[in-house]
N, C-alpha and C. Protein backbone atom coordinates (compact mmCIF):
# COMPACT_ATOMS: atom_id res chain seq x y z
N MET A 1 -0.38 -31.88 -3.47
CA MET A 1 -0.14 -30.80 -2.57
C MET A 1 -0.41 -29.49 -3.26
N ALA A 2 -1.09 -28.62 -2.48
CA ALA A 2 -1.49 -27.39 -3.03
C ALA A 2 -0.35 -26.36 -2.95
N THR A 3 -0.23 -25.50 -3.94
CA THR A 3 0.74 -24.46 -3.93
C THR A 3 0.22 -23.18 -3.49
N ILE A 4 0.98 -22.50 -2.65
CA ILE A 4 0.49 -21.27 -2.07
C ILE A 4 1.05 -20.09 -3.03
N PRO A 5 0.10 -19.32 -3.55
CA PRO A 5 0.52 -18.17 -4.44
C PRO A 5 1.49 -17.25 -3.60
N ARG A 6 2.49 -16.79 -4.28
CA ARG A 6 3.48 -15.87 -3.77
C ARG A 6 2.85 -14.48 -3.54
N GLN A 7 2.90 -13.97 -2.31
CA GLN A 7 2.39 -12.57 -2.05
C GLN A 7 3.45 -11.53 -2.15
N GLU A 8 3.22 -10.64 -3.03
CA GLU A 8 4.07 -9.53 -3.28
C GLU A 8 3.97 -8.46 -2.20
N THR A 9 5.02 -7.82 -1.75
CA THR A 9 4.90 -6.84 -0.68
C THR A 9 5.81 -5.69 -1.01
N ALA A 10 5.52 -4.51 -0.46
CA ALA A 10 6.29 -3.24 -0.65
C ALA A 10 6.36 -2.61 0.69
N THR A 11 7.34 -1.79 0.84
CA THR A 11 7.44 -0.94 2.09
C THR A 11 7.13 0.50 1.57
N VAL A 12 6.23 1.23 2.34
CA VAL A 12 5.91 2.48 1.98
C VAL A 12 6.03 3.44 3.22
N SER A 13 6.31 4.70 3.04
CA SER A 13 6.33 5.58 4.15
C SER A 13 5.10 6.42 4.40
N CYS A 14 4.70 6.55 5.58
CA CYS A 14 3.51 7.35 5.86
C CYS A 14 3.74 8.87 5.40
N PRO A 15 2.73 9.40 4.69
CA PRO A 15 2.95 10.84 4.31
C PRO A 15 2.81 11.80 5.44
N HIS A 16 2.35 11.30 6.63
CA HIS A 16 2.12 12.18 7.79
C HIS A 16 3.38 12.24 8.68
N CYS A 17 4.02 11.04 8.94
CA CYS A 17 5.03 11.01 9.83
C CYS A 17 6.25 10.20 9.40
N GLU A 18 6.26 9.66 8.24
CA GLU A 18 7.36 9.09 7.57
C GLU A 18 7.71 7.68 8.12
N ARG A 19 6.89 7.12 9.02
CA ARG A 19 7.05 5.79 9.45
C ARG A 19 6.78 4.71 8.36
N GLU A 20 7.58 3.67 8.31
CA GLU A 20 7.36 2.69 7.22
C GLU A 20 6.40 1.61 7.54
N THR A 21 5.61 1.22 6.64
CA THR A 21 4.74 0.11 6.75
C THR A 21 4.77 -0.81 5.51
N THR A 22 4.63 -1.99 5.78
CA THR A 22 4.71 -3.09 4.75
C THR A 22 3.34 -3.29 4.19
N ILE A 23 3.03 -3.32 2.91
CA ILE A 23 1.80 -3.55 2.41
C ILE A 23 1.80 -4.73 1.42
N SER A 24 0.75 -5.34 1.12
CA SER A 24 0.64 -6.26 0.02
C SER A 24 0.32 -5.55 -1.32
N ILE A 25 0.94 -5.97 -2.40
CA ILE A 25 0.76 -5.34 -3.71
C ILE A 25 0.30 -6.43 -4.62
N PRO A 26 -0.35 -6.04 -5.73
CA PRO A 26 -0.89 -7.02 -6.62
C PRO A 26 0.12 -7.60 -7.60
N ASP A 27 1.30 -6.82 -7.77
CA ASP A 27 2.31 -7.25 -8.78
C ASP A 27 3.56 -6.44 -8.47
N ASP A 28 4.69 -7.01 -8.87
CA ASP A 28 5.98 -6.39 -8.65
C ASP A 28 6.15 -5.24 -9.61
N ASP A 29 5.49 -5.27 -10.75
CA ASP A 29 5.74 -4.24 -11.83
C ASP A 29 4.79 -3.02 -11.54
N VAL A 30 3.95 -2.91 -10.42
CA VAL A 30 3.04 -1.90 -10.24
C VAL A 30 3.78 -0.63 -9.76
N ASP A 31 3.33 0.56 -10.05
CA ASP A 31 3.87 1.77 -9.55
C ASP A 31 2.95 2.19 -8.46
N LEU A 32 3.51 2.64 -7.30
CA LEU A 32 2.78 2.98 -6.20
C LEU A 32 2.60 4.51 -6.05
N GLU A 33 1.35 5.02 -5.76
CA GLU A 33 1.19 6.36 -5.47
C GLU A 33 0.61 6.56 -4.08
N ILE A 34 1.27 7.27 -3.22
CA ILE A 34 0.77 7.35 -1.87
C ILE A 34 0.03 8.70 -1.70
N ARG A 35 -1.15 8.69 -1.19
CA ARG A 35 -1.98 9.91 -1.03
C ARG A 35 -2.57 10.04 0.45
N ARG A 36 -2.69 11.34 0.82
CA ARG A 36 -3.25 11.48 2.16
C ARG A 36 -4.79 11.53 2.16
N SER A 37 -5.39 11.53 0.94
CA SER A 37 -6.82 11.46 0.87
C SER A 37 -7.17 10.49 -0.21
N VAL A 38 -8.47 9.99 -0.07
CA VAL A 38 -8.95 8.92 -1.03
C VAL A 38 -9.40 9.62 -2.34
N ALA A 39 -9.07 9.05 -3.50
CA ALA A 39 -9.58 9.49 -4.78
C ALA A 39 -10.95 8.82 -5.05
N LEU A 40 -11.53 9.42 -6.08
CA LEU A 40 -12.83 8.83 -6.51
C LEU A 40 -12.83 7.44 -7.12
N TYR A 41 -11.62 7.10 -7.80
CA TYR A 41 -11.55 5.80 -8.42
C TYR A 41 -10.10 5.40 -8.45
N GLY A 42 -9.92 4.10 -8.78
CA GLY A 42 -8.55 3.50 -8.92
C GLY A 42 -8.38 2.39 -7.95
N ASP A 43 -7.55 1.41 -8.29
CA ASP A 43 -7.16 0.32 -7.55
C ASP A 43 -6.26 0.80 -6.47
N HIS A 44 -6.70 0.55 -5.18
CA HIS A 44 -5.96 1.11 -4.00
C HIS A 44 -6.19 0.14 -2.85
N THR A 45 -5.37 0.45 -1.83
CA THR A 45 -5.49 -0.16 -0.54
C THR A 45 -5.44 0.96 0.55
N THR A 46 -6.10 0.79 1.62
CA THR A 46 -6.10 1.70 2.76
C THR A 46 -5.08 1.22 3.73
N VAL A 47 -4.20 2.18 4.16
CA VAL A 47 -3.10 1.73 5.09
C VAL A 47 -3.17 2.60 6.34
N VAL A 48 -2.86 1.90 7.48
CA VAL A 48 -2.74 2.63 8.78
C VAL A 48 -1.30 2.35 9.28
N CYS A 49 -0.63 3.39 9.45
CA CYS A 49 0.79 3.32 9.86
C CYS A 49 0.92 3.00 11.43
N PRO A 50 2.09 2.67 11.93
CA PRO A 50 2.22 2.37 13.39
C PRO A 50 1.75 3.47 14.32
N ALA A 51 1.66 4.66 13.76
CA ALA A 51 1.28 5.85 14.59
C ALA A 51 -0.20 6.23 14.41
N ASP A 52 -0.94 5.27 13.76
CA ASP A 52 -2.42 5.28 13.57
C ASP A 52 -2.86 6.41 12.56
N HIS A 53 -1.91 6.84 11.66
CA HIS A 53 -2.35 7.66 10.50
C HIS A 53 -2.88 6.78 9.32
N GLU A 54 -4.03 7.23 8.84
CA GLU A 54 -4.64 6.53 7.79
C GLU A 54 -4.15 7.28 6.40
N PHE A 55 -3.79 6.47 5.34
CA PHE A 55 -3.53 6.97 4.02
C PHE A 55 -3.90 5.97 3.04
N TRP A 56 -3.76 6.26 1.80
CA TRP A 56 -4.11 5.46 0.69
C TRP A 56 -3.01 5.24 -0.29
N VAL A 57 -2.87 3.91 -0.79
CA VAL A 57 -1.79 3.62 -1.71
C VAL A 57 -2.56 3.17 -2.92
N TYR A 58 -2.30 3.83 -4.06
CA TYR A 58 -2.88 3.44 -5.39
C TYR A 58 -1.86 2.72 -6.20
N PHE A 59 -2.42 1.76 -6.97
CA PHE A 59 -1.50 0.86 -7.78
C PHE A 59 -1.76 1.41 -9.28
N CYS A 60 -0.72 1.85 -9.83
CA CYS A 60 -0.76 2.47 -11.20
C CYS A 60 -0.09 1.52 -12.27
């Protein structure tokens, strides 16, 4: 039987409207930095909130 790796998640607030969105994160110990604009480098994910605002969450 194959084991399914546990997917870590976090809830973040949109910096535009404060609506919450659940995202996948690489590890429980990671610090999250929410930005309205994309940076030139860094491990991140692009997020779209329920109101269709796009923002970026960086894993530090």
